């Protein structure tokens, strides 16, 4: 059975960052991408609630809801508009 801790460790290894960086408040692009990937995987691969995932990442459940929603919306926009580089594309 996959656990949130195992997902965090796998994502850290894949992105070449330490777990304390993943859990930190740092907002560098690489750390944020790794954190979002780990949060998305935690929701998809475990039966953990938003609150449970939030506790595992030292975040409130609404932050987890935002991450999951933002990733879903970003992926939908990429499939509709594959040439766009991001939400602020003009």
PDB file of N, CA and C in Angstrom:
ATOM      1  N   UNK A   1       0.830  -1.185   0.000  1.00  0.00           N
ATOM      2  CA  UNK A   1       0.000   0.000   0.000  1.00  0.00           C
ATOM      3  C   UNK A   1       0.875   1.249   0.000  1.00  0.00           C
ATOM      4  N   UNK A   2       0.539   2.189  -0.845  1.00  0.00           N
ATOM      5  CA  UNK A   2       1.288   3.427  -0.939  1.00  0.00           C
ATOM      6  C   UNK A   2       0.906   4.357   0.202  1.00  0.00           C
ATOM      7  N   UNK A   3       1.921   4.950   0.819  1.00  0.00           N
ATOM      8  CA  UNK A   3       1.673   5.914   1.881  1.00  0.00           C
ATOM      9  C   UNK A   3       2.120   7.298   1.427  1.00  0.00           C
ATOM     10  N   UNK A   4       1.629   8.308   2.103  1.00  0.00           N
ATOM     11  CA  UNK A   4       2.015   9.678   1.759  1.00  0.00           C
ATOM     12  C   UNK A   4       3.510   9.860   1.961  1.00  0.00           C
ATOM     13  N   UNK A   5       4.045   9.302   3.023  1.00  0.00           N
ATOM     14  CA  UNK A   5       5.487   9.421   3.290  1.00  0.00           C
ATOM     15  C   UNK A   5       6.303   8.806   2.151  1.00  0.00           C
ATOM     16  N   UNK A   6       5.871   7.637   1.656  1.00  0.00           N
ATOM     17  CA  UNK A   6       6.578   6.984   0.551  1.00  0.00           C
ATOM     18  C   UNK A   6       6.512   7.858  -0.705  1.00  0.00           C
ATOM     19  N   UNK A   7       5.365   8.451  -0.970  1.00  0.00           N
ATOM     20  CA  UNK A   7       5.217   9.342  -2.128  1.00  0.00           C
ATOM     21  C   UNK A   7       6.147  10.543  -1.978  1.00  0.00           C
ATOM     22  N   UNK A   8       6.187  11.129  -0.793  1.00  0.00           N
ATOM     23  CA  UNK A   8       7.079  12.268  -0.548  1.00  0.00           C
ATOM     24  C   UNK A   8       8.529  11.882  -0.826  1.00  0.00           C
ATOM     25  N   UNK A   9       8.961  10.723  -0.347  1.00  0.00           N
ATOM     26  CA  UNK A   9      10.328  10.261  -0.561  1.00  0.00           C
ATOM     27  C   UNK A   9      10.619  10.030  -2.040  1.00  0.00           C
ATOM     28  N   UNK A  10       9.669   9.431  -2.769  1.00  0.00           N
ATOM     29  CA  UNK A  10       9.858   9.177  -4.202  1.00  0.00           C
ATOM     30  C   UNK A  10       9.957  10.476  -4.984  1.00  0.00           C
ATOM     31  N   UNK A  11       9.110  11.430  -4.656  1.00  0.00           N
ATOM     32  CA  UNK A  11       9.134  12.719  -5.360  1.00  0.00           C
ATOM     33  C   UNK A  11      10.434  13.463  -5.052  1.00  0.00           C
ATOM     34  N   UNK A  12      10.857  13.432  -3.804  1.00  0.00           N
ATOM     35  CA  UNK A  12      12.126  14.076  -3.440  1.00  0.00           C
ATOM     36  C   UNK A  12      13.282  13.475  -4.232  1.00  0.00           C
ATOM     37  N   UNK A  13      13.310  12.162  -4.345  1.00  0.00           N
ATOM     38  CA  UNK A  13      14.370  11.494  -5.102  1.00  0.00           C
ATOM     39  C   UNK A  13      14.308  11.888  -6.578  1.00  0.00           C
ATOM     40  N   UNK A  14      13.114  11.952  -7.132  1.00  0.00           N
ATOM     41  CA  UNK A  14      12.958  12.286  -8.554  1.00  0.00           C
ATOM     42  C   UNK A  14      13.382  13.729  -8.847  1.00  0.00           C
ATOM     43  N   UNK A  15      13.106  14.644  -7.929  1.00  0.00           N
ATOM     44  CA  UNK A  15      13.431  16.050  -8.133  1.00  0.00           C
ATOM     45  C   UNK A  15      14.782  16.442  -7.544  1.00  0.00           C
ATOM     46  N   UNK A  16      15.420  15.536  -6.831  1.00  0.00           N
ATOM     47  CA  UNK A  16      16.733  15.820  -6.257  1.00  0.00           C
ATOM     48  C   UNK A  16      16.692  16.850  -5.139  1.00  0.00           C
ATOM     49  N   UNK A  17      15.633  16.808  -4.340  1.00  0.00           N
ATOM     50  CA  UNK A  17      15.531  17.722  -3.209  1.00  0.00           C
ATOM     51  C   UNK A  17      15.383  16.918  -1.927  1.00  0.00           C
ATOM     52  N   UNK A  18      15.637  17.579  -0.795  1.00  0.00           N
ATOM     53  CA  UNK A  18      15.468  16.918   0.498  1.00  0.00           C
ATOM     54  C   UNK A  18      14.023  17.046   0.951  1.00  0.00           C
ATOM     55  N   UNK A  19      13.621  16.149   1.827  1.00  0.00           N
ATOM     56  CA  UNK A  19      12.236  16.153   2.315  1.00  0.00           C
ATOM     57  C   UNK A  19      11.909  17.445   3.058  1.00  0.00           C
ATOM     58  N   UNK A  20      12.882  17.989   3.810  1.00  0.00           N
ATOM     59  CA  UNK A  20      12.602  19.230   4.528  1.00  0.00           C
ATOM     60  C   UNK A  20      12.356  20.390   3.559  1.00  0.00           C
ATOM     61  N   UNK A  21      12.940  20.349   2.365  1.00  0.00           N
ATOM     62  CA  UNK A  21      12.648  21.364   1.350  1.00  0.00           C
ATOM     63  C   UNK A  21      11.219  21.197   0.830  1.00  0.00           C
ATOM     64  N   UNK A  22      10.811  19.953   0.619  1.00  0.00           N
ATOM     65  CA  UNK A  22       9.455  19.676   0.148  1.00  0.00           C
ATOM     66  C   UNK A  22       8.426  20.188   1.153  1.00  0.00           C
ATOM     67  N   UNK A  23       8.723  20.059   2.435  1.00  0.00           N
ATOM     68  CA  UNK A  23       7.804  20.448   3.486  1.00  0.00           C
ATOM     69  C   UNK A  23       7.893  21.939   3.835  1.00  0.00           C
ATOM     70  N   UNK A  24       8.906  22.616   3.345  1.00  0.00           N
ATOM     71  CA  UNK A  24       9.145  24.006   3.723  1.00  0.00           C
ATOM     72  C   UNK A  24       8.147  24.951   3.042  1.00  0.00           C
ATOM     73  N   UNK A  25       8.259  26.209   3.371  1.00  0.00           N
ATOM     74  CA  UNK A  25       7.430  27.255   2.752  1.00  0.00           C
ATOM     75  C   UNK A  25       8.110  27.852   1.518  1.00  0.00           C
ATOM     76  N   UNK A  26       9.246  27.313   1.118  1.00  0.00           N
ATOM     77  CA  UNK A  26       9.961  27.824  -0.059  1.00  0.00           C
ATOM     78  C   UNK A  26       9.068  27.780  -1.278  1.00  0.00           C
ATOM     79  N   UNK A  27       9.230  28.773  -2.138  1.00  0.00           N
ATOM     80  CA  UNK A  27       8.379  28.857  -3.319  1.00  0.00           C
ATOM     81  C   UNK A  27       9.176  28.901  -4.614  1.00  0.00           C
ATOM     82  N   UNK A  28      10.389  28.361  -4.597  1.00  0.00           N
ATOM     83  CA  UNK A  28      11.138  28.279  -5.845  1.00  0.00           C
ATOM     84  C   UNK A  28      10.408  27.318  -6.787  1.00  0.00           C
ATOM     85  N   UNK A  29      10.572  27.534  -8.059  1.00  0.00           N
ATOM     86  CA  UNK A  29       9.804  26.780  -9.052  1.00  0.00           C
ATOM     87  C   UNK A  29       9.969  25.275  -8.892  1.00  0.00           C
ATOM     88  N   UNK A  30      11.191  24.812  -8.696  1.00  0.00           N
ATOM     89  CA  UNK A  30      11.412  23.370  -8.605  1.00  0.00           C
ATOM     90  C   UNK A  30      10.758  22.779  -7.350  1.00  0.00           C
ATOM     91  N   UNK A  31      10.866  23.469  -6.233  1.00  0.00           N
ATOM     92  CA  UNK A  31      10.281  22.965  -4.992  1.00  0.00           C
ATOM     93  C   UNK A  31       8.758  22.957  -5.088  1.00  0.00           C
ATOM     94  N   UNK A  32       8.189  24.013  -5.656  1.00  0.00           N
ATOM     95  CA  UNK A  32       6.731  24.078  -5.800  1.00  0.00           C
ATOM     96  C   UNK A  32       6.242  22.966  -6.723  1.00  0.00           C
ATOM     97  N   UNK A  33       6.926  22.743  -7.827  1.00  0.00           N
ATOM     98  CA  UNK A  33       6.522  21.661  -8.738  1.00  0.00           C
ATOM     99  C   UNK A  33       6.588  20.302  -8.058  1.00  0.00           C
ATOM    100  N   UNK A  34       7.660  20.080  -7.310  1.00  0.00           N
ATOM    101  CA  UNK A  34       7.797  18.809  -6.591  1.00  0.00           C
ATOM    102  C   UNK A  34       6.690  18.667  -5.553  1.00  0.00           C
ATOM    103  N   UNK A  35       6.428  19.724  -4.801  1.00  0.00           N
ATOM    104  CA  UNK A  35       5.386  19.679  -3.769  1.00  0.00           C
ATOM    105  C   UNK A  35       4.027  19.404  -4.394  1.00  0.00           C
ATOM    106  N   UNK A  36       3.715  20.091  -5.485  1.00  0.00           N
ATOM    107  CA  UNK A  36       2.429  19.889  -6.156  1.00  0.00           C
ATOM    108  C   UNK A  36       2.309  18.468  -6.697  1.00  0.00           C
ATOM    109  N   UNK A  37       3.388  17.949  -7.243  1.00  0.00           N
ATOM    110  CA  UNK A  37       3.379  16.565  -7.736  1.00  0.00           C
ATOM    111  C   UNK A  37       3.103  15.599  -6.588  1.00  0.00           C
ATOM    112  N   UNK A  38       3.770  15.809  -5.461  1.00  0.00           N
ATOM    113  CA  UNK A  38       3.579  14.924  -4.315  1.00  0.00           C
ATOM    114  C   UNK A  38       2.156  15.029  -3.767  1.00  0.00           C
ATOM    115  N   UNK A  39       1.616  16.236  -3.702  1.00  0.00           N
ATOM    116  CA  UNK A  39       0.246  16.425  -3.218  1.00  0.00           C
ATOM    117  C   UNK A  39      -0.751  15.759  -4.162  1.00  0.00           C
ATOM    118  N   UNK A  40      -0.558  15.963  -5.455  1.00  0.00           N
ATOM    119  CA  UNK A  40      -1.457  15.347  -6.438  1.00  0.00           C
ATOM    120  C   UNK A  40      -1.421  13.830  -6.332  1.00  0.00           C
ATOM    121  N   UNK A  41      -0.215  13.281  -6.221  1.00  0.00           N
ATOM    122  CA  UNK A  41      -0.081  11.829  -6.097  1.00  0.00           C
ATOM    123  C   UNK A  41      -0.679  11.323  -4.791  1.00  0.00           C
ATOM    124  N   UNK A  42      -0.503  12.074  -3.714  1.00  0.00           N
ATOM    125  CA  UNK A  42      -1.056  11.649  -2.421  1.00  0.00           C
ATOM    126  C   UNK A  42      -2.568  11.540  -2.495  1.00  0.00           C
ATOM    127  N   UNK A  43      -3.212  12.477  -3.166  1.00  0.00           N
ATOM    128  CA  UNK A  43      -4.674  12.417  -3.307  1.00  0.00           C
ATOM    129  C   UNK A  43      -5.086  11.287  -4.243  1.00  0.00           C
ATOM    130  N   UNK A  44      -4.330  11.064  -5.307  1.00  0.00           N
ATOM    131  CA  UNK A  44      -4.709  10.069  -6.316  1.00  0.00           C
ATOM    132  C   UNK A  44      -4.395   8.633  -5.873  1.00  0.00           C
ATOM    133  N   UNK A  45      -3.309   8.437  -5.148  1.00  0.00           N
ATOM    134  CA  UNK A  45      -2.827   7.091  -4.859  1.00  0.00           C
ATOM    135  C   UNK A  45      -3.157   6.599  -3.457  1.00  0.00           C
ATOM    136  N   UNK A  46      -3.713   7.453  -2.630  1.00  0.00           N
ATOM    137  CA  UNK A  46      -4.106   7.030  -1.293  1.00  0.00           C
ATOM    138  C   UNK A  46      -5.580   7.375  -1.092  1.00  0.00           C
ATOM    139  N   UNK A  47      -6.123   6.902  -0.019  1.00  0.00           N
ATOM    140  CA  UNK A  47      -7.506   7.236   0.307  1.00  0.00           C
ATOM    141  C   UNK A  47      -7.553   8.397   1.303  1.00  0.00           C
ATOM    142  N   UNK A  48      -6.484   9.147   1.383  1.00  0.00           N
ATOM    143  CA  UNK A  48      -6.383  10.245   2.341  1.00  0.00           C
ATOM    144  C   UNK A  48      -7.295  11.401   1.941  1.00  0.00           C
ATOM    145  N   UNK A  49      -7.899  12.016   2.944  1.00  0.00           N
ATOM    146  CA  UNK A  49      -8.742  13.189   2.713  1.00  0.00           C
ATOM    147  C   UNK A  49      -7.854  14.411   2.490  1.00  0.00           C
ATOM    148  N   UNK A  50      -8.479  15.520   2.076  1.00  0.00           N
ATOM    149  CA  UNK A  50      -7.737  16.776   1.942  1.00  0.00           C
ATOM    150  C   UNK A  50      -7.079  17.142   3.269  1.00  0.00           C
ATOM    151  N   UNK A  51      -7.797  16.958   4.365  1.00  0.00           N
ATOM    152  CA  UNK A  51      -7.251  17.288   5.686  1.00  0.00           C
ATOM    153  C   UNK A  51      -6.054  16.400   6.026  1.00  0.00           C
ATOM    154  N   UNK A  52      -6.138  15.112   5.711  1.00  0.00           N
ATOM    155  CA  UNK A  52      -5.028  14.193   5.982  1.00  0.00           C
ATOM    156  C   UNK A  52      -3.787  14.569   5.167  1.00  0.00           C
ATOM    157  N   UNK A  53      -3.995  14.868   3.899  1.00  0.00           N
ATOM    158  CA  UNK A  53      -2.872  15.278   3.050  1.00  0.00           C
ATOM    159  C   UNK A  53      -2.302  16.600   3.563  1.00  0.00           C
ATOM    160  N   UNK A  54      -3.174  17.503   3.942  1.00  0.00           N
ATOM    161  CA  UNK A  54      -2.718  18.778   4.486  1.00  0.00           C
ATOM    162  C   UNK A  54      -1.841  18.593   5.711  1.00  0.00           C
ATOM    163  N   UNK A  55      -2.251  17.723   6.622  1.00  0.00           N
ATOM    164  CA  UNK A  55      -1.440  17.466   7.820  1.00  0.00           C
ATOM    165  C   UNK A  55      -0.088  16.870   7.450  1.00  0.00           C
ATOM    166  N   UNK A  56      -0.056  15.996   6.468  1.00  0.00           N
ATOM    167  CA  UNK A  56       1.194  15.362   6.053  1.00  0.00           C
ATOM    168  C   UNK A  56       2.158  16.352   5.412  1.00  0.00           C
ATOM    169  N   UNK A  57       1.618  17.443   4.831  1.00  0.00           N
ATOM    170  CA  UNK A  57       2.457  18.451   4.185  1.00  0.00           C
ATOM    171  C   UNK A  57       2.536  19.752   4.982  1.00  0.00           C
ATOM    172  N   UNK A  58       2.006  19.743   6.203  1.00  0.00           N
ATOM    173  CA  UNK A  58       1.992  20.923   7.071  1.00  0.00           C
ATOM    174  C   UNK A  58       1.303  22.094   6.367  1.00  0.00           C
ATOM    175  N   UNK A  59       0.157  21.798   5.768  1.00  0.00           N
ATOM    176  CA  UNK A  59      -0.648  22.801   5.070  1.00  0.00           C
ATOM    177  C   UNK A  59      -2.106  22.613   5.493  1.00  0.00           C
ATOM    178  N   UNK A  60      -2.915  23.639   5.299  1.00  0.00           N
ATOM    179  CA  UNK A  60      -4.343  23.494   5.599  1.00  0.00           C
ATOM    180  C   UNK A  60      -5.024  22.767   4.433  1.00  0.00           C
ATOM    181  N   UNK A  61      -6.176  22.188   4.707  1.00  0.00           N
ATOM    182  CA  UNK A  61      -6.856  21.392   3.672  1.00  0.00           C
ATOM    183  C   UNK A  61      -7.248  22.244   2.470  1.00  0.00           C
ATOM    184  N   UNK A  62      -7.493  23.540   2.667  1.00  0.00           N
ATOM    185  CA  UNK A  62      -7.868  24.384   1.524  1.00  0.00           C
ATOM    186  C   UNK A  62      -6.698  24.591   0.571  1.00  0.00           C
ATOM    187  N   UNK A  63      -5.485  24.599   1.102  1.00  0.00           N
ATOM    188  CA  UNK A  63      -4.305  24.702   0.235  1.00  0.00           C
ATOM    189  C   UNK A  63      -4.192  23.454  -0.636  1.00  0.00           C
ATOM    190  N   UNK A  64      -4.509  22.305  -0.062  1.00  0.00           N
ATOM    191  CA  UNK A  64      -4.464  21.045  -0.821  1.00  0.00           C
ATOM    192  C   UNK A  64      -5.549  21.058  -1.895  1.00  0.00           C
ATOM    193  N   UNK A  65      -6.731  21.541  -1.542  1.00  0.00           N
ATOM    194  CA  UNK A  65      -7.819  21.639  -2.520  1.00  0.00           C
ATOM    195  C   UNK A  65      -7.418  22.558  -3.670  1.00  0.00           C
ATOM    196  N   UNK A  66      -6.761  23.669  -3.367  1.00  0.00           N
ATOM    197  CA  UNK A  66      -6.316  24.602  -4.398  1.00  0.00           C
ATOM    198  C   UNK A  66      -5.314  23.933  -5.333  1.00  0.00           C
ATOM    199  N   UNK A  67      -4.334  23.245  -4.749  1.00  0.00           N
ATOM    200  CA  UNK A  67      -3.309  22.578  -5.569  1.00  0.00           C
ATOM    201  C   UNK A  67      -3.957  21.562  -6.498  1.00  0.00           C
ATOM    202  N   UNK A  68      -4.834  20.736  -5.982  1.00  0.00           N
ATOM    203  CA  UNK A  68      -5.477  19.707  -6.811  1.00  0.00           C
ATOM    204  C   UNK A  68      -6.334  20.341  -7.897  1.00  0.00           C
ATOM    205  N   UNK A  69      -7.048  21.391  -7.575  1.00  0.00           N
ATOM    206  CA  UNK A  69      -7.866  22.089  -8.563  1.00  0.00           C
ATOM    207  C   UNK A  69      -7.032  22.829  -9.585  1.00  0.00           C
ATOM    208  N   UNK A  70      -5.965  23.466  -9.140  1.00  0.00           N
ATOM    209  CA  UNK A  70      -5.106  24.229 -10.043  1.00  0.00           C
ATOM    210  C   UNK A  70      -4.424  23.303 -11.032  1.00  0.00           C
ATOM    211  N   UNK A  71      -3.974  22.141 -10.557  1.00  0.00           N
ATOM    212  CA  UNK A  71      -3.328  21.202 -11.469  1.00  0.00           C
ATOM    213  C   UNK A  71      -4.313  20.668 -12.487  1.00  0.00           C
ATOM    214  N   UNK A  72      -5.524  20.368 -12.064  1.00  0.00           N
ATOM    215  CA  UNK A  72      -6.545  19.876 -12.984  1.00  0.00           C
ATOM    216  C   UNK A  72      -6.863  20.925 -14.033  1.00  0.00           C
ATOM    217  N   UNK A  73      -7.029  22.178 -13.616  1.00  0.00           N
ATOM    218  CA  UNK A  73      -7.329  23.259 -14.554  1.00  0.00           C
ATOM    219  C   UNK A  73      -6.171  23.500 -15.509  1.00  0.00           C
ATOM    220  N   UNK A  74      -4.945  23.455 -15.037  1.00  0.00           N
ATOM    221  CA  UNK A  74      -3.777  23.684 -15.884  1.00  0.00           C
ATOM    222  C   UNK A  74      -3.664  22.589 -16.933  1.00  0.00           C
ATOM    223  N   UNK A  75      -3.905  21.334 -16.547  1.00  0.00           N
ATOM    224  CA  UNK A  75      -3.834  20.239 -17.503  1.00  0.00           C
ATOM    225  C   UNK A  75      -4.938  20.364 -18.547  1.00  0.00           C
ATOM    226  N   UNK A  76      -6.119  20.793 -18.147  1.00  0.00           N
ATOM    227  CA  UNK A  76      -7.216  20.976 -19.094  1.00  0.00           C
ATOM    228  C   UNK A  76      -6.880  22.080 -20.090  1.00  0.00           C
ATOM    229  N   UNK A  77      -6.288  23.167 -19.616  1.00  0.00           N
ATOM    230  CA  UNK A  77      -5.915  24.261 -20.515  1.00  0.00           C
ATOM    231  C   UNK A  77      -4.829  23.839 -21.487  1.00  0.00           C
ATOM    232  N   UNK A  78      -3.897  23.016 -21.053  1.00  0.00           N
ATOM    233  CA  UNK A  78      -2.846  22.549 -21.958  1.00  0.00           C
ATOM    234  C   UNK A  78      -3.425  21.709 -23.082  1.00  0.00           C
ATOM    235  N   UNK A  79      -4.437  20.906 -22.786  1.00  0.00           N
ATOM    236  CA  UNK A  79      -5.016  20.083 -23.845  1.00  0.00           C
ATOM    237  C   UNK A  79      -5.846  20.935 -24.805  1.00  0.00           C
ATOM    238  N   UNK A  80      -6.472  22.004 -24.299  1.00  0.00           N
ATOM    239  CA  UNK A  80      -7.245  22.893 -25.170  1.00  0.00           C
ATOM    240  C   UNK A  80      -6.336  23.806 -25.977  1.00  0.00           C
ATOM    241  N   UNK A  81      -5.279  24.311 -25.320  1.00  0.00           N
ATOM    242  CA  UNK A  81      -4.385  25.295 -25.934  1.00  0.00           C
ATOM    243  C   UNK A  81      -2.940  24.857 -25.746  1.00  0.00           C
ATOM    244  N   UNK A  82      -2.482  23.891 -26.529  1.00  0.00           N
ATOM    245  CA  UNK A  82      -1.163  23.323 -26.313  1.00  0.00           C
ATOM    246  C   UNK A  82      -0.003  24.298 -26.515  1.00  0.00           C
ATOM    247  N   UNK A  83      -0.235  25.411 -27.225  1.00  0.00           N
ATOM    248  CA  UNK A  83       0.864  26.362 -27.447  1.00  0.00           C
ATOM    249  C   UNK A  83       1.010  27.374 -26.324  1.00  0.00           C
ATOM    250  N   UNK A  84       0.117  27.356 -25.338  1.00  0.00           N
ATOM    251  CA  UNK A  84       0.202  28.297 -24.229  1.00  0.00           C
ATOM    252  C   UNK A  84       1.283  27.851 -23.247  1.00  0.00           C
ATOM    253  N   UNK A  85       2.027  28.802 -22.719  1.00  0.00           N
ATOM    254  CA  UNK A  85       3.089  28.480 -21.778  1.00  0.00           C
ATOM    255  C   UNK A  85       2.658  28.617 -20.338  1.00  0.00           C
ATOM    256  N   UNK A  86       1.516  29.194 -20.072  1.00  0.00           N
ATOM    257  CA  UNK A  86       1.058  29.341 -18.700  1.00  0.00           C
ATOM    258  C   UNK A  86      -0.195  30.172 -18.627  1.00  0.00           C
ATOM    259  N   UNK A  87      -0.724  30.353 -17.427  1.00  0.00           N
ATOM    260  CA  UNK A  87      -1.989  31.073 -17.273  1.00  0.00           C
ATOM    261  C   UNK A  87      -1.909  32.549 -17.623  1.00  0.00           C
ATOM    262  N   UNK A  88      -0.700  33.154 -17.621  1.00  0.00           N
ATOM    263  CA  UNK A  88      -0.591  34.583 -17.922  1.00  0.00           C
ATOM    264  C   UNK A  88      -0.172  34.826 -19.366  1.00  0.00           C
ATOM    265  N   UNK A  89      -0.282  33.825 -20.205  1.00  0.00           N
ATOM    266  CA  UNK A  89       0.086  33.958 -21.617  1.00  0.00           C
ATOM    267  C   UNK A  89      -0.760  35.022 -22.301  1.00  0.00           C
ATOM    268  N   UNK A  90      -0.115  35.946 -22.966  1.00  0.00           N
ATOM    269  CA  UNK A  90      -0.858  37.015 -23.659  1.00  0.00           C
ATOM    270  C   UNK A  90      -0.685  36.937 -25.147  1.00  0.00           C
TER     271      UNK A  90
END
